[in-house]
Amino acid sequence: MWPVGGNVKILLFARIRDQLGIDSVDIDKPSTVAELRLLMQRQFPDHSALFEDGFSLVAVNQEIETTGARRLRESDEVAFLPPMTGG
């Protein structure tokens, strides 16, 4: 359950952090990962492409979320990461 005025702290890494010039941001109570992506696009409209599915990955509690349907809780650690590449 969310406290009154509860936020989720979102960690930003690599190119996302570099382009925005910040390493974290607080977002007001997103319910799912998909909603979080939309909220981030609205908060940073000049950089909205950074938060599109396919450009960035979202990790919740250090696990990559692939569907966007995962419900977020106030205790979750959430991070936006660049796509992984192999080699």
PDB file of N, CA and C in Angstrom:
ATOM      1  N   MET A   1       0.842  -1.181   0.000  1.00  0.00           N
ATOM      2  CA  MET A   1       0.000   0.000   0.000  1.00  0.00           C
ATOM      3  C   MET A   1       0.885   1.241   0.000  1.00  0.00           C
ATOM      4  N   TRP A   2       0.449   2.259  -0.726  1.00  0.00           N
ATOM      5  CA  TRP A   2       1.193   3.514  -0.803  1.00  0.00           C
ATOM      6  C   TRP A   2       0.861   4.403   0.377  1.00  0.00           C
ATOM      7  N   PRO A   3       1.880   5.067   0.945  1.00  0.00           N
ATOM      8  CA  PRO A   3       1.589   6.089   1.944  1.00  0.00           C
ATOM      9  C   PRO A   3       1.031   7.319   1.245  1.00  0.00           C
ATOM     10  N   VAL A   4       0.403   8.202   2.002  1.00  0.00           N
ATOM     11  CA  VAL A   4      -0.086   9.456   1.421  1.00  0.00           C
ATOM     12  C   VAL A   4       1.113  10.203   0.851  1.00  0.00           C
ATOM     13  N   GLY A   5       1.001  10.610  -0.406  1.00  0.00           N
ATOM     14  CA  GLY A   5       2.096  11.324  -1.044  1.00  0.00           C
ATOM     15  C   GLY A   5       3.293  10.455  -1.370  1.00  0.00           C
ATOM     16  N   GLY A   6       3.112   9.136  -1.396  1.00  0.00           N
ATOM     17  CA  GLY A   6       4.234   8.226  -1.627  1.00  0.00           C
ATOM     18  C   GLY A   6       4.788   8.320  -3.034  1.00  0.00           C
ATOM     19  N   ASN A   7       6.091   8.172  -3.143  1.00  0.00           N
ATOM     20  CA  ASN A   7       6.782   8.208  -4.425  1.00  0.00           C
ATOM     21  C   ASN A   7       7.621   6.958  -4.590  1.00  0.00           C
ATOM     22  N   VAL A   8       8.020   6.704  -5.820  1.00  0.00           N
ATOM     23  CA  VAL A   8       8.992   5.666  -6.118  1.00  0.00           C
ATOM     24  C   VAL A   8      10.250   6.378  -6.605  1.00  0.00           C
ATOM     25  N   LYS A   9      11.397   5.995  -6.062  1.00  0.00           N
ATOM     26  CA  LYS A   9      12.666   6.545  -6.536  1.00  0.00           C
ATOM     27  C   LYS A   9      13.130   5.714  -7.719  1.00  0.00           C
ATOM     28  N   ILE A  10      13.358   6.385  -8.840  1.00  0.00           N
ATOM     29  CA  ILE A  10      13.774   5.741 -10.072  1.00  0.00           C
ATOM     30  C   ILE A  10      15.251   6.047 -10.298  1.00  0.00           C
ATOM     31  N   LEU A  11      16.056   5.014 -10.449  1.00  0.00           N
ATOM     32  CA  LEU A  11      17.480   5.179 -10.715  1.00  0.00           C
ATOM     33  C   LEU A  11      17.707   5.201 -12.220  1.00  0.00           C
ATOM     34  N   LEU A  12      18.609   6.056 -12.668  1.00  0.00           N
ATOM     35  CA  LEU A  12      18.893   6.217 -14.094  1.00  0.00           C
ATOM     36  C   LEU A  12      20.361   5.891 -14.349  1.00  0.00           C
ATOM     37  N   PHE A  13      20.632   5.173 -15.437  1.00  0.00           N
ATOM     38  CA  PHE A  13      21.990   4.734 -15.717  1.00  0.00           C
ATOM     39  C   PHE A  13      22.408   5.053 -17.143  1.00  0.00           C
ATOM     40  N   ALA A  14      23.710   5.103 -17.352  1.00  0.00           N
ATOM     41  CA  ALA A  14      24.362   5.211 -18.652  1.00  0.00           C
ATOM     42  C   ALA A  14      23.833   6.396 -19.467  1.00  0.00           C
ATOM     43  N   ARG A  15      23.463   6.148 -20.709  1.00  0.00           N
ATOM     44  CA  ARG A  15      23.050   7.225 -21.616  1.00  0.00           C
ATOM     45  C   ARG A  15      21.846   8.005 -21.079  1.00  0.00           C
ATOM     46  N   ILE A  16      20.943   7.322 -20.417  1.00  0.00           N
ATOM     47  CA  ILE A  16      19.763   7.999 -19.868  1.00  0.00           C
ATOM     48  C   ILE A  16      20.204   9.020 -18.822  1.00  0.00           C
ATOM     49  N   ARG A  17      21.056   8.607 -17.913  1.00  0.00           N
ATOM     50  CA  ARG A  17      21.586   9.509 -16.885  1.00  0.00           C
ATOM     51  C   ARG A  17      22.358  10.659 -17.535  1.00  0.00           C
ATOM     52  N   ASP A  18      23.192  10.342 -18.514  1.00  0.00           N
ATOM     53  CA  ASP A  18      24.005  11.364 -19.171  1.00  0.00           C
ATOM     54  C   ASP A  18      23.149  12.400 -19.890  1.00  0.00           C
ATOM     55  N   GLN A  19      22.112  11.959 -20.588  1.00  0.00           N
ATOM     56  CA  GLN A  19      21.271  12.893 -21.347  1.00  0.00           C
ATOM     57  C   GLN A  19      20.425  13.777 -20.440  1.00  0.00           C
ATOM     58  N   LEU A  20      19.960  13.222 -19.320  1.00  0.00           N
ATOM     59  CA  LEU A  20      19.123  14.009 -18.412  1.00  0.00           C
ATOM     60  C   LEU A  20      19.948  14.813 -17.414  1.00  0.00           C
ATOM     61  N   GLY A  21      21.187  14.401 -17.172  1.00  0.00           N
ATOM     62  CA  GLY A  21      22.042  15.098 -16.224  1.00  0.00           C
ATOM     63  C   GLY A  21      21.695  14.838 -14.767  1.00  0.00           C
ATOM     64  N   ILE A  22      20.957  13.769 -14.504  1.00  0.00           N
ATOM     65  CA  ILE A  22      20.584  13.382 -13.138  1.00  0.00           C
ATOM     66  C   ILE A  22      20.720  11.869 -13.009  1.00  0.00           C
ATOM     67  N   ASP A  23      20.894  11.395 -11.773  1.00  0.00           N
ATOM     68  CA  ASP A  23      21.028   9.945 -11.600  1.00  0.00           C
ATOM     69  C   ASP A  23      19.812   9.288 -10.971  1.00  0.00           C
ATOM     70  N   SER A  24      18.832  10.097 -10.561  1.00  0.00           N
ATOM     71  CA  SER A  24      17.589   9.527 -10.030  1.00  0.00           C
ATOM     72  C   SER A  24      16.490  10.576 -10.084  1.00  0.00           C
ATOM     73  N   VAL A  25      15.260  10.099  -9.979  1.00  0.00           N
ATOM     74  CA  VAL A  25      14.094  10.978  -9.973  1.00  0.00           C
ATOM     75  C   VAL A  25      13.005  10.289  -9.160  1.00  0.00           C
ATOM     76  N   ASP A  26      12.206  11.070  -8.455  1.00  0.00           N
ATOM     77  CA  ASP A  26      11.062  10.530  -7.722  1.00  0.00           C
ATOM     78  C   ASP A  26       9.810  10.706  -8.568  1.00  0.00           C
ATOM     79  N   ILE A  27       9.040   9.646  -8.695  1.00  0.00           N
ATOM     80  CA  ILE A  27       7.797   9.669  -9.472  1.00  0.00           C
ATOM     81  C   ILE A  27       6.649   9.321  -8.540  1.00  0.00           C
ATOM     82  N   ASP A  28       5.554  10.065  -8.664  1.00  0.00           N
ATOM     83  CA  ASP A  28       4.396   9.900  -7.794  1.00  0.00           C
ATOM     84  C   ASP A  28       3.616   8.639  -8.130  1.00  0.00           C
ATOM     85  N   LYS A  29       3.730   7.635  -7.317  1.00  0.00           N
ATOM     86  CA  LYS A  29       2.911   6.422  -7.285  1.00  0.00           C
ATOM     87  C   LYS A  29       2.511   5.804  -8.622  1.00  0.00           C
ATOM     88  N   PRO A  30       3.450   5.420  -9.471  1.00  0.00           N
ATOM     89  CA  PRO A  30       3.036   4.690 -10.672  1.00  0.00           C
ATOM     90  C   PRO A  30       2.514   3.316 -10.262  1.00  0.00           C
ATOM     91  N   SER A  31       1.495   2.828 -10.951  1.00  0.00           N
ATOM     92  CA  SER A  31       0.922   1.535 -10.562  1.00  0.00           C
ATOM     93  C   SER A  31       1.627   0.357 -11.228  1.00  0.00           C
ATOM     94  N   THR A  32       2.074   0.537 -12.464  1.00  0.00           N
ATOM     95  CA  THR A  32       2.744  -0.549 -13.190  1.00  0.00           C
ATOM     96  C   THR A  32       3.984  -0.004 -13.896  1.00  0.00           C
ATOM     97  N   VAL A  33       4.804  -0.907 -14.393  1.00  0.00           N
ATOM     98  CA  VAL A  33       5.979  -0.502 -15.158  1.00  0.00           C
ATOM     99  C   VAL A  33       5.552   0.244 -16.421  1.00  0.00           C
ATOM    100  N   ALA A  34       4.495  -0.201 -17.081  1.00  0.00           N
ATOM    101  CA  ALA A  34       4.009   0.484 -18.284  1.00  0.00           C
ATOM    102  C   ALA A  34       3.582   1.914 -17.958  1.00  0.00           C
ATOM    103  N   GLU A  35       2.884   2.104 -16.849  1.00  0.00           N
ATOM    104  CA  GLU A  35       2.488   3.457 -16.454  1.00  0.00           C
ATOM    105  C   GLU A  35       3.716   4.292 -16.108  1.00  0.00           C
ATOM    106  N   LEU A  36       4.704   3.684 -15.488  1.00  0.00           N
ATOM    107  CA  LEU A  36       5.937   4.398 -15.166  1.00  0.00           C
ATOM    108  C   LEU A  36       6.591   4.935 -16.433  1.00  0.00           C
ATOM    109  N   ARG A  37       6.654   4.115 -17.481  1.00  0.00           N
ATOM    110  CA  ARG A  37       7.236   4.592 -18.744  1.00  0.00           C
ATOM    111  C   ARG A  37       6.498   5.836 -19.244  1.00  0.00           C
ATOM    112  N   LEU A  38       5.175   5.818 -19.188  1.00  0.00           N
ATOM    113  CA  LEU A  38       4.389   6.976 -19.638  1.00  0.00           C
ATOM    114  C   LEU A  38       4.645   8.199 -18.769  1.00  0.00           C
ATOM    115  N   LEU A  39       4.707   8.011 -17.463  1.00  0.00           N
ATOM    116  CA  LEU A  39       4.971   9.130 -16.556  1.00  0.00           C
ATOM    117  C   LEU A  39       6.350   9.733 -16.811  1.00  0.00           C
ATOM    118  N   MET A  40       7.330   8.898 -17.071  1.00  0.00           N
ATOM    119  CA  MET A  40       8.678   9.402 -17.357  1.00  0.00           C
ATOM    120  C   MET A  40       8.696  10.164 -18.685  1.00  0.00           C
ATOM    121  N   GLN A  41       7.966   9.681 -19.681  1.00  0.00           N
ATOM    122  CA  GLN A  41       7.892  10.385 -20.963  1.00  0.00           C
ATOM    123  C   GLN A  41       7.234  11.751 -20.799  1.00  0.00           C
ATOM    124  N   ARG A  42       6.231  11.834 -19.941  1.00  0.00           N
ATOM    125  CA  ARG A  42       5.570  13.123 -19.690  1.00  0.00           C
ATOM    126  C   ARG A  42       6.466  14.068 -18.897  1.00  0.00           C
ATOM    127  N   GLN A  43       7.212  13.524 -17.950  1.00  0.00           N
ATOM    128  CA  GLN A  43       8.071  14.372 -17.123  1.00  0.00           C
ATOM    129  C   GLN A  43       9.268  14.899 -17.920  1.00  0.00           C
ATOM    130  N   PHE A  44       9.719  14.134 -18.905  1.00  0.00           N
ATOM    131  CA  PHE A  44      10.876  14.516 -19.715  1.00  0.00           C
ATOM    132  C   PHE A  44      10.507  14.477 -21.199  1.00  0.00           C
ATOM    133  N   PRO A  45       9.605  15.364 -21.649  1.00  0.00           N
ATOM    134  CA  PRO A  45       9.103  15.282 -23.023  1.00  0.00           C
ATOM    135  C   PRO A  45      10.187  15.451 -24.092  1.00  0.00           C
ATOM    136  N   ASP A  46      11.229  16.226 -23.809  1.00  0.00           N
ATOM    137  CA  ASP A  46      12.299  16.400 -24.793  1.00  0.00           C
ATOM    138  C   ASP A  46      13.168  15.153 -24.935  1.00  0.00           C
ATOM    139  N   HIS A  47      13.031  14.230 -23.996  1.00  0.00           N
ATOM    140  CA  HIS A  47      13.821  12.996 -24.005  1.00  0.00           C
ATOM    141  C   HIS A  47      12.911  11.768 -23.899  1.00  0.00           C
ATOM    142  N   SER A  48      11.684  11.891 -24.356  1.00  0.00           N
ATOM    143  CA  SER A  48      10.706  10.812 -24.164  1.00  0.00           C
ATOM    144  C   SER A  48      11.138   9.498 -24.814  1.00  0.00           C
ATOM    145  N   ALA A  49      11.904   9.562 -25.896  1.00  0.00           N
ATOM    146  CA  ALA A  49      12.343   8.334 -26.568  1.00  0.00           C
ATOM    147  C   ALA A  49      13.212   7.465 -25.663  1.00  0.00           C
ATOM    148  N   LEU A  50      13.884   8.082 -24.688  1.00  0.00           N
ATOM    149  CA  LEU A  50      14.731   7.318 -23.768  1.00  0.00           C
ATOM    150  C   LEU A  50      13.934   6.302 -22.964  1.00  0.00           C
ATOM    151  N   PHE A  51      12.638   6.547 -22.801  1.00  0.00           N
ATOM    152  CA  PHE A  51      11.814   5.708 -21.935  1.00  0.00           C
ATOM    153  C   PHE A  51      10.888   4.773 -22.707  1.00  0.00           C
ATOM    154  N   GLU A  52      11.026   4.756 -24.026  1.00  0.00           N
ATOM    155  CA  GLU A  52      10.199   3.860 -24.836  1.00  0.00           C
ATOM    156  C   GLU A  52      10.653   2.416 -24.657  1.00  0.00           C
ATOM    157  N   ASP A  53       9.681   1.528 -24.689  1.00  0.00           N
ATOM    158  CA  ASP A  53       9.980   0.101 -24.661  1.00  0.00           C
ATOM    159  C   ASP A  53      10.780  -0.212 -25.918  1.00  0.00           C
ATOM    160  N   GLY A  54      11.894  -0.857 -25.775  1.00  0.00           N
ATOM    161  CA  GLY A  54      12.765  -1.128 -26.911  1.00  0.00           C
ATOM    162  C   GLY A  54      14.020  -0.281 -26.877  1.00  0.00           C
ATOM    163  N   PHE A  55      13.941   0.923 -26.291  1.00  0.00           N
ATOM    164  CA  PHE A  55      15.148   1.733 -26.130  1.00  0.00           C
ATOM    165  C   PHE A  55      15.803   1.468 -24.789  1.00  0.00           C
ATOM    166  N   SER A  56      14.980   1.367 -23.758  1.00  0.00           N
ATOM    167  CA  SER A  56      15.521   1.159 -22.414  1.00  0.00           C
ATOM    168  C   SER A  56      14.880  -0.065 -21.770  1.00  0.00           C
ATOM    169  N   LEU A  57      15.588  -0.605 -20.809  1.00  0.00           N
ATOM    170  CA  LEU A  57      15.080  -1.709 -20.002  1.00  0.00           C
ATOM    171  C   LEU A  57      14.715  -1.166 -18.631  1.00  0.00           C
ATOM    172  N   VAL A  58      13.728  -1.789 -18.004  1.00  0.00           N
ATOM    173  CA  VAL A  58      13.367  -1.431 -16.637  1.00  0.00           C
ATOM    174  C   VAL A  58      13.656  -2.636 -15.754  1.00  0.00           C
ATOM    175  N   ALA A  59      14.400  -2.388 -14.695  1.00  0.00           N
ATOM    176  CA  ALA A  59      14.668  -3.429 -13.706  1.00  0.00           C
ATOM    177  C   ALA A  59      13.914  -3.082 -12.431  1.00  0.00           C
ATOM    178  N   VAL A  60      13.220  -4.059 -11.887  1.00  0.00           N
ATOM    179  CA  VAL A  60      12.527  -3.899 -10.610  1.00  0.00           C
ATOM    180  C   VAL A  60      13.167  -4.885  -9.647  1.00  0.00           C
ATOM    181  N   ASN A  61      13.726  -4.350  -8.577  1.00  0.00           N
ATOM    182  CA  ASN A  61      14.446  -5.183  -7.603  1.00  0.00           C
ATOM    183  C   ASN A  61      15.508  -6.042  -8.287  1.00  0.00           C
ATOM    184  N   GLN A  62      16.221  -5.418  -9.221  1.00  0.00           N
ATOM    185  CA  GLN A  62      17.351  -6.005  -9.947  1.00  0.00           C
ATOM    186  C   GLN A  62      16.959  -7.144 -10.882  1.00  0.00           C
ATOM    187  N   GLU A  63      15.687  -7.189 -11.279  1.00  0.00           N
ATOM    188  CA  GLU A  63      15.214  -8.156 -12.273  1.00  0.00           C
ATOM    189  C   GLU A  63      14.594  -7.392 -13.437  1.00  0.00           C
ATOM    190  N   ILE A  64      15.013  -7.726 -14.661  1.00  0.00           N
ATOM    191  CA  ILE A  64      14.484  -7.049 -15.841  1.00  0.00           C
ATOM    192  C   ILE A  64      13.006  -7.382 -15.998  1.00  0.00           C
ATOM    193  N   GLU A  65      12.199  -6.346 -16.176  1.00  0.00           N
ATOM    194  CA  GLU A  65      10.754  -6.495 -16.384  1.00  0.00           C
ATOM    195  C   GLU A  65      10.492  -6.463 -17.885  1.00  0.00           C
ATOM    196  N   THR A  66       9.867  -7.494 -18.413  1.00  0.00           N
ATOM    197  CA  THR A  66       9.687  -7.592 -19.861  1.00  0.00           C
ATOM    198  C   THR A  66       8.278  -7.280 -20.349  1.00  0.00           C
ATOM    199  N   THR A  67       7.280  -7.326 -19.478  1.00  0.00           N
ATOM    200  CA  THR A  67       5.909  -7.148 -19.962  1.00  0.00           C
ATOM    201  C   THR A  67       5.329  -5.771 -19.695  1.00  0.00           C
ATOM    202  N   GLY A  68       5.811  -5.076 -18.694  1.00  0.00           N
ATOM    203  CA  GLY A  68       5.227  -3.795 -18.313  1.00  0.00           C
ATOM    204  C   GLY A  68       4.049  -3.929 -17.375  1.00  0.00           C
ATOM    205  N   ALA A  69       3.587  -5.157 -17.148  1.00  0.00           N
ATOM    206  CA  ALA A  69       2.396  -5.369 -16.326  1.00  0.00           C
ATOM    207  C   ALA A  69       2.695  -5.443 -14.829  1.00  0.00           C
ATOM    208  N   ARG A  70       3.949  -5.562 -14.485  1.00  0.00           N
ATOM    209  CA  ARG A  70       4.294  -5.714 -13.061  1.00  0.00           C
ATOM    210  C   ARG A  70       3.819  -4.510 -12.253  1.00  0.00           C
ATOM    211  N   ARG A  71       3.149  -4.800 -11.152  1.00  0.00           N
ATOM    212  CA  ARG A  71       2.675  -3.752 -10.250  1.00  0.00           C
ATOM    213  C   ARG A  71       3.828  -3.310  -9.363  1.00  0.00           C
ATOM    214  N   LEU A  72       3.935  -2.011  -9.155  1.00  0.00           N
ATOM    215  CA  LEU A  72       5.010  -1.459  -8.341  1.00  0.00           C
ATOM    216  C   LEU A  72       4.535  -1.195  -6.923  1.00  0.00           C
ATOM    217  N   ARG A  73       5.458  -1.385  -5.982  1.00  0.00           N
ATOM    218  CA  ARG A  73       5.193  -1.108  -4.567  1.00  0.00           C
ATOM    219  C   ARG A  73       6.210  -0.083  -4.078  1.00  0.00           C
ATOM    220  N   GLU A  74       5.884   0.599  -2.992  1.00  0.00           N
ATOM    221  CA  GLU A  74       6.759   1.668  -2.517  1.00  0.00           C
ATOM    222  C   GLU A  74       8.150   1.179  -2.143  1.00  0.00           C
ATOM    223  N   SER A  75       8.305  -0.070  -1.792  1.00  0.00           N
ATOM    224  CA  SER A  75       9.612  -0.587  -1.385  1.00  0.00           C
ATOM    225  C   SER A  75      10.460  -1.060  -2.568  1.00  0.00           C
ATOM    226  N   ASP A  76       9.910  -1.048  -3.779  1.00  0.00           N
ATOM    227  CA  ASP A  76      10.637  -1.536  -4.946  1.00  0.00           C
ATOM    228  C   ASP A  76      11.798  -0.616  -5.316  1.00  0.00           C
ATOM    229  N   GLU A  77      12.894  -1.228  -5.762  1.00  0.00           N
ATOM    230  CA  GLU A  77      13.998  -0.488  -6.363  1.00  0.00           C
ATOM    231  C   GLU A  77      13.794  -0.577  -7.871  1.00  0.00           C
ATOM    232  N   VAL A  78      13.654   0.566  -8.520  1.00  0.00           N
ATOM    233  CA  VAL A  78      13.352   0.601  -9.949  1.00  0.00           C
ATOM    234  C   VAL A  78      14.467   1.349 -10.669  1.00  0.00           C
ATOM    235  N   ALA A  79      14.918   0.812 -11.804  1.00  0.00           N
ATOM    236  CA  ALA A  79      15.996   1.443 -12.559  1.00  0.00           C
ATOM    237  C   ALA A  79      15.724   1.361 -14.054  1.00  0.00           C
ATOM    238  N   PHE A  80      16.074   2.442 -14.762  1.00  0.00           N
ATOM    239  CA  PHE A  80      16.071   2.444 -16.223  1.00  0.00           C
ATOM    240  C   PHE A  80      17.503   2.210 -16.676  1.00  0.00           C
ATOM    241  N   LEU A  81      17.669   1.239 -17.584  1.00  0.00           N
ATOM    242  CA  LEU A  81      18.982   0.830 -18.069  1.00  0.00           C
ATOM    243  C   LEU A  81      19.005   0.868 -19.590  1.00  0.00           C
ATOM    244  N   PRO A  82      20.189   1.048 -20.174  1.00  0.00           N
ATOM    245  CA  PRO A  82      20.274   0.943 -21.631  1.00  0.00           C
ATOM    246  C   PRO A  82      20.097  -0.512 -22.044  1.00  0.00           C
ATOM    247  N   PRO A  83      19.763  -0.765 -23.309  1.00  0.00           N
ATOM    248  CA  PRO A  83      19.642  -2.149 -23.769  1.00  0.00           C
ATOM    249  C   PRO A  83      20.967  -2.883 -23.580  1.00  0.00           C
ATOM    250  N   MET A  84      20.873  -4.152 -23.267  1.00  0.00           N
ATOM    251  CA  MET A  84      22.069  -4.977 -23.083  1.00  0.00           C
ATOM    252  C   MET A  84      22.569  -5.438 -24.450  1.00  0.00           C
ATOM    253  N   THR A  85      23.868  -5.491 -24.599  1.00  0.00           N
ATOM    254  CA  THR A  85      24.447  -6.031 -25.824  1.00  0.00           C
ATOM    255  C   THR A  85      25.442  -7.113 -25.452  1.00  0.00           C
ATOM    256  N   GLY A  86      25.597  -8.037 -26.328  1.00  0.00           N
ATOM    257  CA  GLY A  86      26.538  -9.126 -26.084  1.00  0.00           C
ATOM    258  C   GLY A  86      27.734  -9.014 -27.003  1.00  0.00           C
ATOM    259  N   GLY A  87      28.699  -9.842 -26.732  1.00  0.00           N
ATOM    260  CA  GLY A  87      29.843  -9.783 -27.624  1.00  0.00           C
ATOM    261  C   GLY A  87      30.887 -10.793 -27.289  1.00  0.00           C
TER     262      GLY A  87
END
